Amino acid sequence: MDIEKRELVIKTITEDSIIDTIIKLMENVESFIDKNGQQKKHYVMSELRTMLGIEAYERYHYFISSFIDFAVGISKGKKLNLNNIKKKYCCF
């Protein structure tokens, strides 16, 4: 991806739209029948790294990884334990 195109992508992916971007990538990768869950997650994260650039990707890496796990868990009907979230994160 050339520099101008990458800068445009970075400008269009904001803190408000990063979740939508992750979900769209996850929906796209769902059709990859020859890949397991970890390979699909790696693909999504690699695409985001390309879109965001290394610096921005590193800033959001933990959030991206955690959000993918969260979204997969919710889609599989796993119970959400808010007490564990409260212990790990200070945002509540």
PDB file of N, CA and C in Angstrom:
ATOM      1  N   MET A   1       0.858  -1.169   0.000  1.00  0.00           N
ATOM      2  CA  MET A   1       0.000   0.000   0.000  1.00  0.00           C
ATOM      3  C   MET A   1       0.904   1.232   0.000  1.00  0.00           C
ATOM      4  N   ASP A   2       0.654   2.158  -0.923  1.00  0.00           N
ATOM      5  CA  ASP A   2       1.503   3.346  -0.973  1.00  0.00           C
ATOM      6  C   ASP A   2       1.185   4.285   0.189  1.00  0.00           C
ATOM      7  N   ILE A   3       2.068   5.227   0.437  1.00  0.00           N
ATOM      8  CA  ILE A   3       1.986   6.105   1.603  1.00  0.00           C
ATOM      9  C   ILE A   3       0.698   6.931   1.600  1.00  0.00           C
ATOM     10  N   GLU A   4       0.344   7.516   0.468  1.00  0.00           N
ATOM     11  CA  GLU A   4      -0.858   8.352   0.402  1.00  0.00           C
ATOM     12  C   GLU A   4      -2.120   7.547   0.719  1.00  0.00           C
ATOM     13  N   LYS A   5      -2.201   6.344   0.166  1.00  0.00           N
ATOM     14  CA  LYS A   5      -3.372   5.506   0.394  1.00  0.00           C
ATOM     15  C   LYS A   5      -3.439   5.090   1.862  1.00  0.00           C
ATOM     16  N   ARG A   6      -2.285   4.730   2.466  1.00  0.00           N
ATOM     17  CA  ARG A   6      -2.257   4.320   3.874  1.00  0.00           C
ATOM     18  C   ARG A   6      -2.667   5.470   4.779  1.00  0.00           C
ATOM     19  N   GLU A   7      -2.201   6.681   4.469  1.00  0.00           N
ATOM     20  CA  GLU A   7      -2.579   7.850   5.271  1.00  0.00           C
ATOM     21  C   GLU A   7      -4.081   8.110   5.184  1.00  0.00           C
ATOM     22  N   LEU A   8      -4.667   7.896   4.022  1.00  0.00           N
ATOM     23  CA  LEU A   8      -6.111   8.062   3.859  1.00  0.00           C
ATOM     24  C   LEU A   8      -6.866   7.026   4.687  1.00  0.00           C
ATOM     25  N   VAL A   9      -6.383   5.787   4.665  1.00  0.00           N
ATOM     26  CA  VAL A   9      -7.021   4.727   5.451  1.00  0.00           C
ATOM     27  C   VAL A   9      -6.942   5.053   6.933  1.00  0.00           C
ATOM     28  N   ILE A  10      -5.773   5.503   7.398  1.00  0.00           N
ATOM     29  CA  ILE A  10      -5.601   5.857   8.807  1.00  0.00           C
ATOM     30  C   ILE A  10      -6.560   6.968   9.204  1.00  0.00           C
ATOM     31  N   LYS A  11      -6.735   7.947   8.336  1.00  0.00           N
ATOM     32  CA  LYS A  11      -7.648   9.052   8.634  1.00  0.00           C
ATOM     33  C   LYS A  11      -9.091   8.571   8.711  1.00  0.00           C
ATOM     34  N   THR A  12      -9.436   7.562   7.901  1.00  0.00           N
ATOM     35  CA  THR A  12     -10.815   7.085   7.903  1.00  0.00           C
ATOM     36  C   THR A  12     -11.091   6.116   9.053  1.00  0.00           C
ATOM     37  N   ILE A  13     -10.054   5.468   9.580  1.00  0.00           N
ATOM     38  CA  ILE A  13     -10.225   4.599  10.741  1.00  0.00           C
ATOM     39  C   ILE A  13      -9.933   5.434  11.978  1.00  0.00           C
ATOM     40  N   THR A  14     -10.975   5.746  12.704  1.00  0.00           N
ATOM     41  CA  THR A  14     -10.842   6.542  13.918  1.00  0.00           C
ATOM     42  C   THR A  14     -11.157   5.655  15.121  1.00  0.00           C
ATOM     43  N   GLU A  15     -11.025   6.233  16.286  1.00  0.00           N
ATOM     44  CA  GLU A  15     -11.388   5.485  17.492  1.00  0.00           C
ATOM     45  C   GLU A  15     -12.855   5.078  17.452  1.00  0.00           C
ATOM     46  N   ASP A  16     -13.669   5.860  16.788  1.00  0.00           N
ATOM     47  CA  ASP A  16     -15.091   5.542  16.683  1.00  0.00           C
ATOM     48  C   ASP A  16     -15.377   4.448  15.656  1.00  0.00           C
ATOM     49  N   SER A  17     -14.537   4.328  14.641  1.00  0.00           N
ATOM     50  CA  SER A  17     -14.830   3.373  13.573  1.00  0.00           C
ATOM     51  C   SER A  17     -13.964   2.117  13.612  1.00  0.00           C
ATOM     52  N   ILE A  18     -13.014   2.037  14.532  1.00  0.00           N
ATOM     53  CA  ILE A  18     -12.123   0.871  14.538  1.00  0.00           C
ATOM     54  C   ILE A  18     -12.899  -0.412  14.828  1.00  0.00           C
ATOM     55  N   ILE A  19     -13.914  -0.335  15.678  1.00  0.00           N
ATOM     56  CA  ILE A  19     -14.720  -1.526  15.979  1.00  0.00           C
ATOM     57  C   ILE A  19     -15.462  -1.987  14.732  1.00  0.00           C
ATOM     58  N   ASP A  20     -16.048  -1.054  13.996  1.00  0.00           N
ATOM     59  CA  ASP A  20     -16.732  -1.412  12.748  1.00  0.00           C
ATOM     60  C   ASP A  20     -15.764  -2.054  11.759  1.00  0.00           C
ATOM     61  N   THR A  21     -14.558  -1.532  11.683  1.00  0.00           N
ATOM     62  CA  THR A  21     -13.538  -2.069  10.778  1.00  0.00           C
ATOM     63  C   THR A  21     -13.168  -3.489  11.181  1.00  0.00           C
ATOM     64  N   ILE A  22     -12.965  -3.707  12.480  1.00  0.00           N
ATOM     65  CA  ILE A  22     -12.634  -5.054  12.963  1.00  0.00           C
ATOM     66  C   ILE A  22     -13.759  -6.023  12.621  1.00  0.00           C
ATOM     67  N   ILE A  23     -14.989  -5.624  12.871  1.00  0.00           N
ATOM     68  CA  ILE A  23     -16.137  -6.504  12.602  1.00  0.00           C
ATOM     69  C   ILE A  23     -16.251  -6.818  11.116  1.00  0.00           C
ATOM     70  N   LYS A  24     -16.049  -5.829  10.264  1.00  0.00           N
ATOM     71  CA  LYS A  24     -16.117  -6.077   8.814  1.00  0.00           C
ATOM     72  C   LYS A  24     -15.047  -7.065   8.383  1.00  0.00           C
ATOM     73  N   LEU A  25     -13.829  -6.902   8.921  1.00  0.00           N
ATOM     74  CA  LEU A  25     -12.758  -7.842   8.588  1.00  0.00           C
ATOM     75  C   LEU A  25     -13.079  -9.242   9.102  1.00  0.00           C
ATOM     76  N   MET A  26     -13.647  -9.318  10.295  1.00  0.00           N
ATOM     77  CA  MET A  26     -14.026 -10.620  10.857  1.00  0.00           C
ATOM     78  C   MET A  26     -15.114 -11.283  10.006  1.00  0.00           C
ATOM     79  N   GLU A  27     -16.066 -10.502   9.522  1.00  0.00           N
ATOM     80  CA  GLU A  27     -17.108 -11.050   8.656  1.00  0.00           C
ATOM     81  C   GLU A  27     -16.506 -11.569   7.356  1.00  0.00           C
ATOM     82  N   ASN A  28     -15.546 -10.848   6.803  1.00  0.00           N
ATOM     83  CA  ASN A  28     -14.900 -11.278   5.560  1.00  0.00           C
ATOM     84  C   ASN A  28     -14.127 -12.582   5.754  1.00  0.00           C
ATOM     85  N   VAL A  29     -13.403 -12.679   6.853  1.00  0.00           N
ATOM     86  CA  VAL A  29     -12.546 -13.840   7.090  1.00  0.00           C
ATOM     87  C   VAL A  29     -13.363 -15.071   7.474  1.00  0.00           C
ATOM     88  N   GLU A  30     -14.593 -14.894   7.880  1.00  0.00           N
ATOM     89  CA  GLU A  30     -15.441 -16.016   8.280  1.00  0.00           C
ATOM     90  C   GLU A  30     -15.641 -17.001   7.132  1.00  0.00           C
ATOM     91  N   SER A  31     -15.554 -16.526   5.914  1.00  0.00           N
ATOM     92  CA  SER A  31     -15.751 -17.407   4.759  1.00  0.00           C
ATOM     93  C   SER A  31     -14.514 -18.240   4.425  1.00  0.00           C
ATOM     94  N   PHE A  32     -13.409 -18.038   5.112  1.00  0.00           N
ATOM     95  CA  PHE A  32     -12.181 -18.801   4.869  1.00  0.00           C
ATOM     96  C   PHE A  32     -12.321 -20.166   5.534  1.00  0.00           C
ATOM     97  N   ILE A  33     -12.762 -21.158   4.785  1.00  0.00           N
ATOM     98  CA  ILE A  33     -13.015 -22.473   5.367  1.00  0.00           C
ATOM     99  C   ILE A  33     -11.732 -23.269   5.611  1.00  0.00           C
ATOM    100  N   ASP A  34     -10.633 -22.859   4.997  1.00  0.00           N
ATOM    101  CA  ASP A  34      -9.381 -23.595   5.154  1.00  0.00           C
ATOM    102  C   ASP A  34      -8.520 -23.067   6.306  1.00  0.00           C
ATOM    103  N   LYS A  35      -9.057 -22.153   7.126  1.00  0.00           N
ATOM    104  CA  LYS A  35      -8.298 -21.570   8.228  1.00  0.00           C
ATOM    105  C   LYS A  35      -9.021 -21.819   9.546  1.00  0.00           C
ATOM    106  N   ASN A  36      -8.215 -22.040  10.608  1.00  0.00           N
ATOM    107  CA  ASN A  36      -8.818 -22.203  11.931  1.00  0.00           C
ATOM    108  C   ASN A  36      -8.989 -20.834  12.583  1.00  0.00           C
ATOM    109  N   GLY A  37      -9.515 -20.811  13.795  1.00  0.00           N
ATOM    110  CA  GLY A  37      -9.803 -19.554  14.475  1.00  0.00           C
ATOM    111  C   GLY A  37      -8.586 -18.671  14.685  1.00  0.00           C
ATOM    112  N   GLN A  38      -7.478 -19.260  15.110  1.00  0.00           N
ATOM    113  CA  GLN A  38      -6.264 -18.472  15.340  1.00  0.00           C
ATOM    114  C   GLN A  38      -5.725 -17.884  14.041  1.00  0.00           C
ATOM    115  N   GLN A  39      -5.804 -18.635  12.955  1.00  0.00           N
ATOM    116  CA  GLN A  39      -5.350 -18.140  11.657  1.00  0.00           C
ATOM    117  C   GLN A  39      -6.230 -16.985  11.179  1.00  0.00           C
ATOM    118  N   LYS A  40      -7.523 -17.097  11.421  1.00  0.00           N
ATOM    119  CA  LYS A  40      -8.447 -16.023  11.045  1.00  0.00           C
ATOM    120  C   LYS A  40      -8.153 -14.765  11.863  1.00  0.00           C
ATOM    121  N   LYS A  41      -7.922 -14.933  13.165  1.00  0.00           N
ATOM    122  CA  LYS A  41      -7.590 -13.794  14.022  1.00  0.00           C
ATOM    123  C   LYS A  41      -6.295 -13.141  13.555  1.00  0.00           C
ATOM    124  N   HIS A  42      -5.302 -13.954  13.234  1.00  0.00           N
ATOM    125  CA  HIS A  42      -4.024 -13.425  12.749  1.00  0.00           C
ATOM    126  C   HIS A  42      -4.222 -12.632  11.458  1.00  0.00           C
ATOM    127  N   TYR A  43      -5.072 -13.132  10.571  1.00  0.00           N
ATOM    128  CA  TYR A  43      -5.351 -12.441   9.312  1.00  0.00           C
ATOM    129  C   TYR A  43      -5.966 -11.066   9.572  1.00  0.00           C
ATOM    130  N   VAL A  44      -6.968 -11.013  10.452  1.00  0.00           N
ATOM    131  CA  VAL A  44      -7.628  -9.748  10.775  1.00  0.00           C
ATOM    132  C   VAL A  44      -6.620  -8.773  11.363  1.00  0.00           C
ATOM    133  N   MET A  45      -5.804  -9.264  12.287  1.00  0.00           N
ATOM    134  CA  MET A  45      -4.826  -8.380  12.933  1.00  0.00           C
ATOM    135  C   MET A  45      -3.767  -7.902  11.932  1.00  0.00           C
ATOM    136  N   SER A  46      -3.376  -8.759  11.021  1.00  0.00           N
ATOM    137  CA  SER A  46      -2.400  -8.367   9.995  1.00  0.00           C
ATOM    138  C   SER A  46      -2.971  -7.299   9.066  1.00  0.00           C
ATOM    139  N   GLU A  47      -4.236  -7.471   8.686  1.00  0.00           N
ATOM    140  CA  GLU A  47      -4.886  -6.470   7.836  1.00  0.00           C
ATOM    141  C   GLU A  47      -4.967  -5.123   8.547  1.00  0.00           C
ATOM    142  N   LEU A  48      -5.319  -5.144   9.825  1.00  0.00           N
ATOM    143  CA  LEU A  48      -5.387  -3.899  10.590  1.00  0.00           C
ATOM    144  C   LEU A  48      -4.012  -3.261  10.719  1.00  0.00           C
ATOM    145  N   ARG A  49      -2.991  -4.071  10.886  1.00  0.00           N
ATOM    146  CA  ARG A  49      -1.625  -3.533  10.978  1.00  0.00           C
ATOM    147  C   ARG A  49      -1.255  -2.817   9.676  1.00  0.00           C
ATOM    148  N   THR A  50      -1.630  -3.413   8.563  1.00  0.00           N
ATOM    149  CA  THR A  50      -1.366  -2.786   7.265  1.00  0.00           C
ATOM    150  C   THR A  50      -2.144  -1.485   7.125  1.00  0.00           C
ATOM    151  N   MET A  51      -3.405  -1.496   7.534  1.00  0.00           N
ATOM    152  CA  MET A  51      -4.247  -0.305   7.415  1.00  0.00           C
ATOM    153  C   MET A  51      -3.786   0.822   8.330  1.00  0.00           C
ATOM    154  N   LEU A  52      -3.452   0.470   9.572  1.00  0.00           N
ATOM    155  CA  LEU A  52      -3.136   1.487  10.564  1.00  0.00           C
ATOM    156  C   LEU A  52      -1.684   1.934  10.554  1.00  0.00           C
ATOM    157  N   GLY A  53      -0.793   1.081  10.115  1.00  0.00           N
ATOM    158  CA  GLY A  53       0.629   1.359  10.245  1.00  0.00           C
ATOM    159  C   GLY A  53       1.122   0.815  11.579  1.00  0.00           C
ATOM    160  N   ILE A  54       2.402   0.612  11.685  1.00  0.00           N
ATOM    161  CA  ILE A  54       2.977  -0.045  12.861  1.00  0.00           C
ATOM    162  C   ILE A  54       2.717   0.732  14.148  1.00  0.00           C
ATOM    163  N   GLU A  55       2.936   2.037  14.127  1.00  0.00           N
ATOM    164  CA  GLU A  55       2.813   2.832  15.354  1.00  0.00           C
ATOM    165  C   GLU A  55       1.392   2.800  15.919  1.00  0.00           C
ATOM    166  N   ALA A  56       0.417   3.078  15.082  1.00  0.00           N
ATOM    167  CA  ALA A  56      -0.977   3.073  15.546  1.00  0.00           C
ATOM    168  C   ALA A  56      -1.417   1.657  15.917  1.00  0.00           C
ATOM    169  N   TYR A  57      -0.967   0.677  15.150  1.00  0.00           N
ATOM    170  CA  TYR A  57      -1.324  -0.714  15.441  1.00  0.00           C
ATOM    171  C   TYR A  57      -0.799  -1.123  16.818  1.00  0.00           C
ATOM    172  N   GLU A  58       0.431  -0.785  17.103  1.00  0.00           N
ATOM    173  CA  GLU A  58       1.003  -1.143  18.405  1.00  0.00           C
ATOM    174  C   GLU A  58       0.231  -0.492  19.549  1.00  0.00           C
ATOM    175  N   ARG A  59      -0.244   0.710  19.337  1.00  0.00           N
ATOM    176  CA  ARG A  59      -1.022   1.413  20.354  1.00  0.00           C
ATOM    177  C   ARG A  59      -2.326   0.670  20.657  1.00  0.00           C
ATOM    178  N   TYR A  60      -2.967   0.098  19.637  1.00  0.00           N
ATOM    179  CA  TYR A  60      -4.265  -0.554  19.785  1.00  0.00           C
ATOM    180  C   TYR A  60      -4.197  -2.083  19.796  1.00  0.00           C
ATOM    181  N   HIS A  61      -3.013  -2.649  19.712  1.00  0.00           N
ATOM    182  CA  HIS A  61      -2.846  -4.099  19.581  1.00  0.00           C
ATOM    183  C   HIS A  61      -3.616  -4.887  20.644  1.00  0.00           C
ATOM    184  N   TYR A  62      -3.447  -4.530  21.900  1.00  0.00           N
ATOM    185  CA  TYR A  62      -4.104  -5.274  22.974  1.00  0.00           C
ATOM    186  C   TYR A  62      -5.621  -5.159  22.870  1.00  0.00           C
ATOM    187  N   PHE A  63      -6.111  -3.974  22.582  1.00  0.00           N
ATOM    188  CA  PHE A  63      -7.552  -3.775  22.420  1.00  0.00           C
ATOM    189  C   PHE A  63      -8.083  -4.607  21.263  1.00  0.00           C
ATOM    190  N   ILE A  64      -7.383  -4.585  20.134  1.00  0.00           N
ATOM    191  CA  ILE A  64      -7.826  -5.321  18.951  1.00  0.00           C
ATOM    192  C   ILE A  64      -7.917  -6.811  19.261  1.00  0.00           C
ATOM    193  N   SER A  65      -6.877  -7.354  19.844  1.00  0.00           N
ATOM    194  CA  SER A  65      -6.843  -8.773  20.181  1.00  0.00           C
ATOM    195  C   SER A  65      -7.966  -9.131  21.153  1.00  0.00           C
ATOM    196  N   SER A  66      -8.132  -8.335  22.190  1.00  0.00           N
ATOM    197  CA  SER A  66      -9.169  -8.591  23.190  1.00  0.00           C
ATOM    198  C   SER A  66     -10.564  -8.459  22.590  1.00  0.00           C
ATOM    199  N   PHE A  67     -10.751  -7.466  21.727  1.00  0.00           N
ATOM    200  CA  PHE A  67     -12.071  -7.274  21.124  1.00  0.00           C
ATOM    201  C   PHE A  67     -12.426  -8.444  20.210  1.00  0.00           C
ATOM    202  N   ILE A  68     -11.467  -8.948  19.450  1.00  0.00           N
ATOM    203  CA  ILE A  68     -11.734 -10.099  18.582  1.00  0.00           C
ATOM    204  C   ILE A  68     -12.161 -11.290  19.430  1.00  0.00           C
ATOM    205  N   ASP A  69     -11.427 -11.562  20.508  1.00  0.00           N
ATOM    206  CA  ASP A  69     -11.789 -12.669  21.397  1.00  0.00           C
ATOM    207  C   ASP A  69     -13.179 -12.467  21.987  1.00  0.00           C
ATOM    208  N   PHE A  70     -13.473 -11.233  22.394  1.00  0.00           N
ATOM    209  CA  PHE A  70     -14.782 -10.893  22.956  1.00  0.00           C
ATOM    210  C   PHE A  70     -15.884 -11.136  21.931  1.00  0.00           C
ATOM    211  N   ALA A  71     -15.714 -10.635  20.726  1.00  0.00           N
ATOM    212  CA  ALA A  71     -16.738 -10.766  19.683  1.00  0.00           C
ATOM    213  C   ALA A  71     -16.969 -12.233  19.321  1.00  0.00           C
ATOM    214  N   VAL A  72     -15.909 -13.007  19.239  1.00  0.00           N
ATOM    215  CA  VAL A  72     -16.048 -14.435  18.936  1.00  0.00           C
ATOM    216  C   VAL A  72     -16.791 -15.138  20.071  1.00  0.00           C
ATOM    217  N   GLY A  73     -16.412 -14.814  21.304  1.00  0.00           N
ATOM    218  CA  GLY A  73     -17.082 -15.419  22.455  1.00  0.00           C
ATOM    219  C   GLY A  73     -18.563 -15.109  22.488  1.00  0.00           C
ATOM    220  N   ILE A  74     -18.912 -13.859  22.246  1.00  0.00           N
ATOM    221  CA  ILE A  74     -20.322 -13.462  22.237  1.00  0.00           C
ATOM    222  C   ILE A  74     -21.069 -14.165  21.096  1.00  0.00           C
ATOM    223  N   SER A  75     -20.432 -14.264  19.933  1.00  0.00           N
ATOM    224  CA  SER A  75     -21.106 -14.898  18.794  1.00  0.00           C
ATOM    225  C   SER A  75     -21.337 -16.390  19.031  1.00  0.00           C
ATOM    226  N   LYS A  76     -20.508 -16.998  19.887  1.00  0.00           N
ATOM    227  CA  LYS A  76     -20.679 -18.413  20.218  1.00  0.00           C
ATOM    228  C   LYS A  76     -21.588 -18.608  21.422  1.00  0.00           C
ATOM    229  N   GLY A  77     -22.115 -17.506  21.962  1.00  0.00           N
ATOM    230  CA  GLY A  77     -23.046 -17.598  23.067  1.00  0.00           C
ATOM    231  C   GLY A  77     -22.404 -17.810  24.427  1.00  0.00           C
ATOM    232  N   LYS A  78     -21.114 -17.509  24.545  1.00  0.00           N
ATOM    233  CA  LYS A  78     -20.451 -17.658  25.835  1.00  0.00           C
ATOM    234  C   LYS A  78     -20.960 -16.601  26.804  1.00  0.00           C
ATOM    235  N   LYS A  79     -21.064 -16.992  28.045  1.00  0.00           N
ATOM    236  CA  LYS A  79     -21.549 -16.092  29.091  1.00  0.00           C
ATOM    237  C   LYS A  79     -20.531 -14.991  29.346  1.00  0.00           C
ATOM    238  N   LEU A  80     -20.993 -13.778  29.450  1.00  0.00           N
ATOM    239  CA  LEU A  80     -20.142 -12.624  29.723  1.00  0.00           C
ATOM    240  C   LEU A  80     -20.069 -12.408  31.227  1.00  0.00           C
ATOM    241  N   ASN A  81     -18.870 -12.466  31.785  1.00  0.00           N
ATOM    242  CA  ASN A  81     -18.675 -12.282  33.218  1.00  0.00           C
ATOM    243  C   ASN A  81     -18.138 -10.875  33.463  1.00  0.00           C
ATOM    244  N   LEU A  82     -19.026  -9.956  33.814  1.00  0.00           N
ATOM    245  CA  LEU A  82     -18.621  -8.566  34.025  1.00  0.00           C
ATOM    246  C   LEU A  82     -17.701  -8.394  35.223  1.00  0.00           C
ATOM    247  N   ASN A  83     -17.778  -9.268  36.200  1.00  0.00           N
ATOM    248  CA  ASN A  83     -16.885  -9.159  37.359  1.00  0.00           C
ATOM    249  C   ASN A  83     -15.429  -9.320  36.953  1.00  0.00           C
ATOM    250  N   ASN A  84     -15.150 -10.234  36.039  1.00  0.00           N
ATOM    251  CA  ASN A  84     -13.769 -10.401  35.565  1.00  0.00           C
ATOM    252  C   ASN A  84     -13.299  -9.178  34.790  1.00  0.00           C
ATOM    253  N   ILE A  85     -14.188  -8.588  34.015  1.00  0.00           N
ATOM    254  CA  ILE A  85     -13.820  -7.391  33.257  1.00  0.00           C
ATOM    255  C   ILE A  85     -13.501  -6.252  34.213  1.00  0.00           C
ATOM    256  N   LYS A  86     -14.299  -6.092  35.242  1.00  0.00           N
ATOM    257  CA  LYS A  86     -14.073  -5.014  36.204  1.00  0.00           C
ATOM    258  C   LYS A  86     -12.733  -5.171  36.916  1.00  0.00           C
ATOM    259  N   LYS A  87     -12.324  -6.402  37.193  1.00  0.00           N
ATOM    260  CA  LYS A  87     -11.049  -6.640  37.870  1.00  0.00           C
ATOM    261  C   LYS A  87      -9.860  -6.304  36.977  1.00  0.00           C
ATOM    262  N   LYS A  88      -9.980  -6.513  35.683  1.00  0.00           N
ATOM    263  CA  LYS A  88      -8.859  -6.327  34.769  1.00  0.00           C
ATOM    264  C   LYS A  88      -8.753  -4.921  34.217  1.00  0.00           C
ATOM    265  N   TYR A  89      -9.849  -4.199  34.147  1.00  0.00           N
ATOM    266  CA  TYR A  89      -9.865  -2.892  33.514  1.00  0.00           C
ATOM    267  C   TYR A  89     -10.439  -1.844  34.466  1.00  0.00           C
ATOM    268  N   CYS A  90      -9.939  -0.653  34.375  1.00  0.00           N
ATOM    269  CA  CYS A  90     -10.364   0.388  35.308  1.00  0.00           C
ATOM    270  C   CYS A  90     -11.500   1.246  34.768  1.00  0.00           C
ATOM    271  N   CYS A  91     -12.040   0.922  33.609  1.00  0.00           N
ATOM    272  CA  CYS A  91     -12.997   1.805  32.946  1.00  0.00           C
ATOM    273  C   CYS A  91     -14.403   1.743  33.527  1.00  0.00           C
ATOM    274  N   PHE A  92     -14.704   0.836  34.430  1.00  0.00           N
ATOM    275  CA  PHE A  92     -16.061   0.725  34.987  1.00  0.00           C
ATOM    276  C   PHE A  92     -16.123   1.372  36.348  1.00  0.00           C
TER     277      PHE A  92
END
